[in-house]
Amino acid sequence: MDSPEKIVYMLEQPLLLDAGEVARLIGISRSNFYGLISSGRIGPEPIHLGKRTLWKRSELEAWVRADCPPREKWLVMKETENILT
């Protein structure tokens, strides 16, 4: 069971992040973030919700824990290692 502190933390954090929020979270500029997406260096793929492009916080956190592998490797890891559960 989750501790009360963890539950409060989870409720205060958005589940989905836009490009600016992701860039801030990983400590780079938004333009650098878009460049890394284009080059395949950002592993997690975005989801589209209406006209918005968003990334799942939980997947970004798992990607960082896995040492930020490039997209191709991340997708294989995600599928074969079940790392998001």
PDB file of N, CA and C in Angstrom:
ATOM      1  N   MET A   1       0.845  -1.177   0.000  1.00  0.00           N
ATOM      2  CA  MET A   1       0.000   0.000   0.000  1.00  0.00           C
ATOM      3  C   MET A   1       0.892   1.241   0.000  1.00  0.00           C
ATOM      4  N   ASP A   2       0.480   2.262  -0.720  1.00  0.00           N
ATOM      5  CA  ASP A   2       1.247   3.498  -0.816  1.00  0.00           C
ATOM      6  C   ASP A   2       1.124   4.315   0.465  1.00  0.00           C
ATOM      7  N   SER A   3       2.226   4.985   0.832  1.00  0.00           N
ATOM      8  CA  SER A   3       2.217   5.841   2.008  1.00  0.00           C
ATOM      9  C   SER A   3       1.400   7.099   1.713  1.00  0.00           C
ATOM     10  N   PRO A   4       0.910   7.763   2.764  1.00  0.00           N
ATOM     11  CA  PRO A   4       0.162   9.011   2.547  1.00  0.00           C
ATOM     12  C   PRO A   4       0.992  10.064   1.804  1.00  0.00           C
ATOM     13  N   GLU A   5       2.296  10.126   2.092  1.00  0.00           N
ATOM     14  CA  GLU A   5       3.161  11.095   1.419  1.00  0.00           C
ATOM     15  C   GLU A   5       3.238  10.815  -0.078  1.00  0.00           C
ATOM     16  N   LYS A   6       3.342   9.530  -0.437  1.00  0.00           N
ATOM     17  CA  LYS A   6       3.420   9.170  -1.850  1.00  0.00           C
ATOM     18  C   LYS A   6       2.105   9.495  -2.552  1.00  0.00           C
ATOM     19  N   ILE A   7       0.999   9.258  -1.899  1.00  0.00           N
ATOM     20  CA  ILE A   7      -0.309   9.546  -2.489  1.00  0.00           C
ATOM     21  C   ILE A   7      -0.459  11.049  -2.735  1.00  0.00           C
ATOM     22  N   VAL A   8      -0.054  11.877  -1.773  1.00  0.00           N
ATOM     23  CA  VAL A   8      -0.123  13.330  -1.945  1.00  0.00           C
ATOM     24  C   VAL A   8       0.766  13.745  -3.107  1.00  0.00           C
ATOM     25  N   TYR A   9       1.996  13.212  -3.176  1.00  0.00           N
ATOM     26  CA  TYR A   9       2.910  13.537  -4.266  1.00  0.00           C
ATOM     27  C   TYR A   9       2.284  13.179  -5.615  1.00  0.00           C
ATOM     28  N   MET A  10       1.694  11.992  -5.695  1.00  0.00           N
ATOM     29  CA  MET A  10       1.105  11.534  -6.954  1.00  0.00           C
ATOM     30  C   MET A  10      -0.060  12.429  -7.363  1.00  0.00           C
ATOM     31  N   LEU A  11      -0.849  12.886  -6.423  1.00  0.00           N
ATOM     32  CA  LEU A  11      -1.992  13.735  -6.731  1.00  0.00           C
ATOM     33  C   LEU A  11      -1.567  15.135  -7.155  1.00  0.00           C
ATOM     34  N   GLU A  12      -0.414  15.600  -6.670  1.00  0.00           N
ATOM     35  CA  GLU A  12       0.055  16.943  -6.998  1.00  0.00           C
ATOM     36  C   GLU A  12       0.759  17.004  -8.349  1.00  0.00           C
ATOM     37  N   GLN A  13       1.164  15.893  -8.901  1.00  0.00           N
ATOM     38  CA  GLN A  13       1.918  15.852 -10.140  1.00  0.00           C
ATOM     39  C   GLN A  13       0.991  15.532 -11.313  1.00  0.00           C
ATOM     40  N   PRO A  14       1.094  16.292 -12.404  1.00  0.00           N
ATOM     41  CA  PRO A  14       0.260  15.955 -13.566  1.00  0.00           C
ATOM     42  C   PRO A  14       0.700  14.628 -14.178  1.00  0.00           C
ATOM     43  N   LEU A  15      -0.247  13.875 -14.675  1.00  0.00           N
ATOM     44  CA  LEU A  15       0.059  12.587 -15.303  1.00  0.00           C
ATOM     45  C   LEU A  15       0.618  12.765 -16.704  1.00  0.00           C
ATOM     46  N   LEU A  16       0.173  13.809 -17.392  1.00  0.00           N
ATOM     47  CA  LEU A  16       0.600  14.077 -18.763  1.00  0.00           C
ATOM     48  C   LEU A  16       1.285  15.432 -18.827  1.00  0.00           C
ATOM     49  N   LEU A  17       2.370  15.495 -19.590  1.00  0.00           N
ATOM     50  CA  LEU A  17       3.173  16.710 -19.675  1.00  0.00           C
ATOM     51  C   LEU A  17       3.333  17.152 -21.117  1.00  0.00           C
ATOM     52  N   ASP A  18       3.303  18.466 -21.344  1.00  0.00           N
ATOM     53  CA  ASP A  18       3.566  18.965 -22.690  1.00  0.00           C
ATOM     54  C   ASP A  18       5.077  19.102 -22.896  1.00  0.00           C
ATOM     55  N   ALA A  19       5.477  19.481 -24.088  1.00  0.00           N
ATOM     56  CA  ALA A  19       6.900  19.522 -24.437  1.00  0.00           C
ATOM     57  C   ALA A  19       7.688  20.455 -23.526  1.00  0.00           C
ATOM     58  N   GLY A  20       7.142  21.596 -23.197  1.00  0.00           N
ATOM     59  CA  GLY A  20       7.832  22.526 -22.314  1.00  0.00           C
ATOM     60  C   GLY A  20       8.041  21.957 -20.924  1.00  0.00           C
ATOM     61  N   GLU A  21       7.025  21.279 -20.413  1.00  0.00           N
ATOM     62  CA  GLU A  21       7.132  20.670 -19.082  1.00  0.00           C
ATOM     63  C   GLU A  21       8.139  19.525 -19.085  1.00  0.00           C
ATOM     64  N   VAL A  22       8.128  18.718 -20.142  1.00  0.00           N
ATOM     65  CA  VAL A  22       9.090  17.614 -20.239  1.00  0.00           C
ATOM     66  C   VAL A  22      10.508  18.169 -20.304  1.00  0.00           C
ATOM     67  N   ALA A  23      10.705  19.182 -21.127  1.00  0.00           N
ATOM     68  CA  ALA A  23      12.032  19.779 -21.260  1.00  0.00           C
ATOM     69  C   ALA A  23      12.524  20.296 -19.910  1.00  0.00           C
ATOM     70  N   ARG A  24      11.667  21.000 -19.177  1.00  0.00           N
ATOM     71  CA  ARG A  24      12.037  21.495 -17.843  1.00  0.00           C
ATOM     72  C   ARG A  24      12.350  20.342 -16.908  1.00  0.00           C
ATOM     73  N   LEU A  25      11.527  19.304 -16.961  1.00  0.00           N
ATOM     74  CA  LEU A  25      11.697  18.161 -16.072  1.00  0.00           C
ATOM     75  C   LEU A  25      13.045  17.468 -16.283  1.00  0.00           C
ATOM     76  N   ILE A  26      13.490  17.368 -17.536  1.00  0.00           N
ATOM     77  CA  ILE A  26      14.762  16.694 -17.795  1.00  0.00           C
ATOM     78  C   ILE A  26      15.931  17.670 -17.916  1.00  0.00           C
ATOM     79  N   GLY A  27      15.652  18.960 -17.751  1.00  0.00           N
ATOM     80  CA  GLY A  27      16.714  19.947 -17.650  1.00  0.00           C
ATOM     81  C   GLY A  27      17.323  20.421 -18.957  1.00  0.00           C
ATOM     82  N   ILE A  28      16.515  20.496 -20.012  1.00  0.00           N
ATOM     83  CA  ILE A  28      17.002  20.990 -21.298  1.00  0.00           C
ATOM     84  C   ILE A  28      16.024  22.025 -21.843  1.00  0.00           C
ATOM     85  N   SER A  29      16.443  22.736 -22.888  1.00  0.00           N
ATOM     86  CA  SER A  29      15.539  23.713 -23.502  1.00  0.00           C
ATOM     87  C   SER A  29      14.490  22.997 -24.344  1.00  0.00           C
ATOM     88  N   ARG A  30      13.412  23.692 -24.599  1.00  0.00           N
ATOM     89  CA  ARG A  30      12.348  23.113 -25.423  1.00  0.00           C
ATOM     90  C   ARG A  30      12.842  22.833 -26.838  1.00  0.00           C
ATOM     91  N   SER A  31      13.635  23.743 -27.398  1.00  0.00           N
ATOM     92  CA  SER A  31      14.137  23.516 -28.756  1.00  0.00           C
ATOM     93  C   SER A  31      15.093  22.320 -28.788  1.00  0.00           C
ATOM     94  N   ASN A  32      15.900  22.154 -27.750  1.00  0.00           N
ATOM     95  CA  ASN A  32      16.776  20.984 -27.669  1.00  0.00           C
ATOM     96  C   ASN A  32      15.937  19.713 -27.556  1.00  0.00           C
ATOM     97  N   PHE A  33      14.864  19.774 -26.786  1.00  0.00           N
ATOM     98  CA  PHE A  33      13.962  18.624 -26.636  1.00  0.00           C
ATOM     99  C   PHE A  33      13.397  18.207 -27.993  1.00  0.00           C
ATOM    100  N   TYR A  34      12.927  19.186 -28.794  1.00  0.00           N
ATOM    101  CA  TYR A  34      12.386  18.867 -30.113  1.00  0.00           C
ATOM    102  C   TYR A  34      13.470  18.281 -31.023  1.00  0.00           C
ATOM    103  N   GLY A  35      14.696  18.778 -30.899  1.00  0.00           N
ATOM    104  CA  GLY A  35      15.791  18.220 -31.686  1.00  0.00           C
ATOM    105  C   GLY A  35      16.076  16.770 -31.308  1.00  0.00           C
ATOM    106  N   LEU A  36      16.023  16.483 -30.017  1.00  0.00           N
ATOM    107  CA  LEU A  36      16.248  15.106 -29.559  1.00  0.00           C
ATOM    108  C   LEU A  36      15.123  14.174 -30.007  1.00  0.00           C
ATOM    109  N   ILE A  37      13.899  14.693 -30.057  1.00  0.00           N
ATOM    110  CA  ILE A  37      12.781  13.897 -30.566  1.00  0.00           C
ATOM    111  C   ILE A  37      13.031  13.558 -32.029  1.00  0.00           C
ATOM    112  N   SER A  38      13.393  14.565 -32.812  1.00  0.00           N
ATOM    113  CA  SER A  38      13.622  14.363 -34.250  1.00  0.00           C
ATOM    114  C   SER A  38      14.737  13.371 -34.524  1.00  0.00           C
ATOM    115  N   SER A  39      15.751  13.366 -33.667  1.00  0.00           N
ATOM    116  CA  SER A  39      16.887  12.468 -33.879  1.00  0.00           C
ATOM    117  C   SER A  39      16.665  11.069 -33.294  1.00  0.00           C
ATOM    118  N   GLY A  40      15.541  10.876 -32.586  1.00  0.00           N
ATOM    119  CA  GLY A  40      15.255   9.565 -32.006  1.00  0.00           C
ATOM    120  C   GLY A  40      15.909   9.338 -30.659  1.00  0.00           C
ATOM    121  N   ARG A  41      16.435  10.379 -30.034  1.00  0.00           N
ATOM    122  CA  ARG A  41      17.108  10.232 -28.734  1.00  0.00           C
ATOM    123  C   ARG A  41      16.137  10.227 -27.558  1.00  0.00           C
ATOM    124  N   ILE A  42      14.932  10.747 -27.736  1.00  0.00           N
ATOM    125  CA  ILE A  42      13.926  10.702 -26.672  1.00  0.00           C
ATOM    126  C   ILE A  42      13.128   9.420 -26.868  1.00  0.00           C
ATOM    127  N   GLY A  43      13.187   8.529 -25.886  1.00  0.00           N
ATOM    128  CA  GLY A  43      12.561   7.222 -26.014  1.00  0.00           C
ATOM    129  C   GLY A  43      11.046   7.218 -26.016  1.00  0.00           C
ATOM    130  N   PRO A  44      10.426   7.785 -24.975  1.00  0.00           N
ATOM    131  CA  PRO A  44       8.968   7.730 -24.911  1.00  0.00           C
ATOM    132  C   PRO A  44       8.305   8.466 -26.073  1.00  0.00           C
ATOM    133  N   GLU A  45       7.289   7.847 -26.610  1.00  0.00           N
ATOM    134  CA  GLU A  45       6.523   8.475 -27.681  1.00  0.00           C
ATOM    135  C   GLU A  45       5.351   9.235 -27.064  1.00  0.00           C
ATOM    136  N   PRO A  46       4.967  10.341 -27.676  1.00  0.00           N
ATOM    137  CA  PRO A  46       3.860  11.116 -27.121  1.00  0.00           C
ATOM    138  C   PRO A  46       2.512  10.479 -27.430  1.00  0.00           C
ATOM    139  N   ILE A  47       1.529  10.955 -26.706  1.00  0.00           N
ATOM    140  CA  ILE A  47       0.143  10.614 -27.023  1.00  0.00           C
ATOM    141  C   ILE A  47      -0.516  11.902 -27.497  1.00  0.00           C
ATOM    142  N   HIS A  48      -1.592  11.764 -28.229  1.00  0.00           N
ATOM    143  CA  HIS A  48      -2.306  12.935 -28.736  1.00  0.00           C
ATOM    144  C   HIS A  48      -3.685  12.945 -28.092  1.00  0.00           C
ATOM    145  N   LEU A  49      -3.971  14.041 -27.429  1.00  0.00           N
ATOM    146  CA  LEU A  49      -5.240  14.212 -26.739  1.00  0.00           C
ATOM    147  C   LEU A  49      -5.873  15.478 -27.305  1.00  0.00           C
ATOM    148  N   GLY A  50      -6.830  15.287 -28.184  1.00  0.00           N
ATOM    149  CA  GLY A  50      -7.365  16.421 -28.913  1.00  0.00           C
ATOM    150  C   GLY A  50      -6.260  16.971 -29.806  1.00  0.00           C
ATOM    151  N   LYS A  51      -5.996  18.258 -29.693  1.00  0.00           N
ATOM    152  CA  LYS A  51      -4.935  18.884 -30.482  1.00  0.00           C
ATOM    153  C   LYS A  51      -3.611  18.929 -29.727  1.00  0.00           C
ATOM    154  N   ARG A  52      -3.598  18.416 -28.519  1.00  0.00           N
ATOM    155  CA  ARG A  52      -2.393  18.493 -27.685  1.00  0.00           C
ATOM    156  C   ARG A  52      -1.518  17.260 -27.852  1.00  0.00           C
ATOM    157  N   THR A  53      -0.219  17.469 -27.780  1.00  0.00           N
ATOM    158  CA  THR A  53       0.766  16.397 -27.798  1.00  0.00           C
ATOM    159  C   THR A  53       1.362  16.337 -26.407  1.00  0.00           C
ATOM    160  N   LEU A  54       1.233  15.178 -25.755  1.00  0.00           N
ATOM    161  CA  LEU A  54       1.620  15.037 -24.358  1.00  0.00           C
ATOM    162  C   LEU A  54       2.423  13.755 -24.145  1.00  0.00           C
ATOM    163  N   TRP A  55       3.228  13.757 -23.080  1.00  0.00           N
ATOM    164  CA  TRP A  55       4.012  12.583 -22.717  1.00  0.00           C
ATOM    165  C   TRP A  55       3.577  12.126 -21.333  1.00  0.00           C
ATOM    166  N   LYS A  56       3.569  10.812 -21.119  1.00  0.00           N
ATOM    167  CA  LYS A  56       3.199  10.252 -19.822  1.00  0.00           C
ATOM    168  C   LYS A  56       4.363  10.424 -18.850  1.00  0.00           C
ATOM    169  N   ARG A  57       4.077  11.051 -17.716  1.00  0.00           N
ATOM    170  CA  ARG A  57       5.101  11.251 -16.689  1.00  0.00           C
ATOM    171  C   ARG A  57       5.693   9.908 -16.255  1.00  0.00           C
ATOM    172  N   SER A  58       4.855   8.911 -16.050  1.00  0.00           N
ATOM    173  CA  SER A  58       5.345   7.609 -15.570  1.00  0.00           C
ATOM    174  C   SER A  58       6.319   6.981 -16.561  1.00  0.00           C
ATOM    175  N   GLU A  59       6.046   7.131 -17.851  1.00  0.00           N
ATOM    176  CA  GLU A  59       6.959   6.563 -18.847  1.00  0.00           C
ATOM    177  C   GLU A  59       8.265   7.350 -18.898  1.00  0.00           C
ATOM    178  N   LEU A  60       8.179   8.667 -18.771  1.00  0.00           N
ATOM    179  CA  LEU A  60       9.401   9.476 -18.741  1.00  0.00           C
ATOM    180  C   LEU A  60      10.262   9.112 -17.543  1.00  0.00           C
ATOM    181  N   GLU A  61       9.639   8.906 -16.392  1.00  0.00           N
ATOM    182  CA  GLU A  61      10.400   8.529 -15.195  1.00  0.00           C
ATOM    183  C   GLU A  61      11.066   7.171 -15.377  1.00  0.00           C
ATOM    184  N   ALA A  62      10.352   6.211 -15.969  1.00  0.00           N
ATOM    185  CA  ALA A  62      10.934   4.889 -16.227  1.00  0.00           C
ATOM    186  C   ALA A  62      12.079   4.988 -17.238  1.00  0.00           C
ATOM    187  N   TRP A  63      11.922   5.832 -18.248  1.00  0.00           N
ATOM    188  CA  TRP A  63      12.960   6.031 -19.267  1.00  0.00           C
ATOM    189  C   TRP A  63      14.235   6.597 -18.636  1.00  0.00           C
ATOM    190  N   VAL A  64      14.086   7.553 -17.744  1.00  0.00           N
ATOM    191  CA  VAL A  64      15.257   8.122 -17.058  1.00  0.00           C
ATOM    192  C   VAL A  64      15.907   7.070 -16.164  1.00  0.00           C
ATOM    193  N   ARG A  65      15.102   6.279 -15.443  1.00  0.00           N
ATOM    194  CA  ARG A  65      15.667   5.198 -14.609  1.00  0.00           C
ATOM    195  C   ARG A  65      16.451   4.198 -15.440  1.00  0.00           C
ATOM    196  N   ALA A  66      16.062   4.044 -16.721  1.00  0.00           N
ATOM    197  CA  ALA A  66      16.743   3.112 -17.633  1.00  0.00           C
ATOM    198  C   ALA A  66      17.926   3.780 -18.340  1.00  0.00           C
ATOM    199  N   ASP A  67      18.341   4.967 -17.873  1.00  0.00           N
ATOM    200  CA  ASP A  67      19.487   5.710 -18.427  1.00  0.00           C
ATOM    201  C   ASP A  67      19.216   6.330 -19.795  1.00  0.00           C
ATOM    202  N   CYS A  68      17.985   6.694 -20.066  1.00  0.00           N
ATOM    203  CA  CYS A  68      17.614   7.466 -21.262  1.00  0.00           C
ATOM    204  C   CYS A  68      18.051   6.825 -22.584  1.00  0.00           C
ATOM    205  N   PRO A  69      17.676   5.575 -22.827  1.00  0.00           N
ATOM    206  CA  PRO A  69      18.058   4.961 -24.099  1.00  0.00           C
ATOM    207  C   PRO A  69      17.341   5.625 -25.280  1.00  0.00           C
ATOM    208  N   PRO A  70      17.914   5.538 -26.478  1.00  0.00           N
ATOM    209  CA  PRO A  70      17.238   6.101 -27.653  1.00  0.00           C
ATOM    210  C   PRO A  70      15.913   5.383 -27.910  1.00  0.00           C
ATOM    211  N   ARG A  71      15.064   6.017 -28.707  1.00  0.00           N
ATOM    212  CA  ARG A  71      13.694   5.527 -28.925  1.00  0.00           C
ATOM    213  C   ARG A  71      13.648   4.065 -29.365  1.00  0.00           C
ATOM    214  N   GLU A  72      14.452   3.707 -30.356  1.00  0.00           N
ATOM    215  CA  GLU A  72      14.404   2.334 -30.875  1.00  0.00           C
ATOM    216  C   GLU A  72      14.676   1.316 -29.766  1.00  0.00           C
ATOM    217  N   LYS A  73      15.684   1.564 -28.977  1.00  0.00           N
ATOM    218  CA  LYS A  73      16.024   0.656 -27.871  1.00  0.00           C
ATOM    219  C   LYS A  73      14.951   0.707 -26.793  1.00  0.00           C
ATOM    220  N   TRP A  74      14.446   1.908 -26.497  1.00  0.00           N
ATOM    221  CA  TRP A  74      13.412   2.063 -25.474  1.00  0.00           C
ATOM    222  C   TRP A  74      12.158   1.264 -25.824  1.00  0.00           C
ATOM    223  N   LEU A  75      11.734   1.329 -27.070  1.00  0.00           N
ATOM    224  CA  LEU A  75      10.524   0.603 -27.465  1.00  0.00           C
ATOM    225  C   LEU A  75      10.698  -0.898 -27.297  1.00  0.00           C
ATOM    226  N   VAL A  76      11.878  -1.419 -27.604  1.00  0.00           N
ATOM    227  CA  VAL A  76      12.161  -2.847 -27.408  1.00  0.00           C
ATOM    228  C   VAL A  76      12.162  -3.163 -25.910  1.00  0.00           C
ATOM    229  N   MET A  77      12.835  -2.331 -25.129  1.00  0.00           N
ATOM    230  CA  MET A  77      12.889  -2.547 -23.673  1.00  0.00           C
ATOM    231  C   MET A  77      11.487  -2.544 -23.074  1.00  0.00           C
ATOM    232  N   LYS A  78      10.698  -1.592 -23.495  1.00  0.00           N
ATOM    233  CA  LYS A  78       9.334  -1.455 -22.977  1.00  0.00           C
ATOM    234  C   LYS A  78       8.511  -2.713 -23.243  1.00  0.00           C
ATOM    235  N   GLU A  79       8.678  -3.238 -24.429  1.00  0.00           N
ATOM    236  CA  GLU A  79       7.898  -4.416 -24.827  1.00  0.00           C
ATOM    237  C   GLU A  79       8.406  -5.698 -24.188  1.00  0.00           C
ATOM    238  N   THR A  80       9.729  -5.868 -24.141  1.00  0.00           N
ATOM    239  CA  THR A  80      10.283  -7.140 -23.686  1.00  0.00           C
ATOM    240  C   THR A  80      10.548  -7.225 -22.197  1.00  0.00           C
ATOM    241  N   GLU A  81      10.819  -6.090 -21.564  1.00  0.00           N
ATOM    242  CA  GLU A  81      11.186  -6.124 -20.145  1.00  0.00           C
ATOM    243  C   GLU A  81      10.069  -5.712 -19.214  1.00  0.00           C
ATOM    244  N   ASN A  82       8.956  -5.298 -19.775  1.00  0.00           N
ATOM    245  CA  ASN A  82       7.790  -4.920 -18.966  1.00  0.00           C
ATOM    246  C   ASN A  82       8.181  -3.933 -17.865  1.00  0.00           C
ATOM    247  N   ILE A  83       8.925  -2.883 -18.235  1.00  0.00           N
ATOM    248  CA  ILE A  83       9.483  -1.981 -17.236  1.00  0.00           C
ATOM    249  C   ILE A  83       8.530  -0.912 -16.720  1.00  0.00           C
ATOM    250  N   LEU A  84       7.361  -0.808 -17.278  1.00  0.00           N
ATOM    251  CA  LEU A  84       6.430   0.221 -16.812  1.00  0.00           C
ATOM    252  C   LEU A  84       5.465  -0.267 -15.748  1.00  0.00           C
ATOM    253  N   THR A  85       5.574  -1.498 -15.340  1.00  0.00           N
ATOM    254  CA  THR A  85       4.631  -1.966 -14.324  1.00  0.00           C
ATOM    255  C   THR A  85       5.216  -1.881 -12.956  1.00  0.00           C
TER     256      THR A  85
END
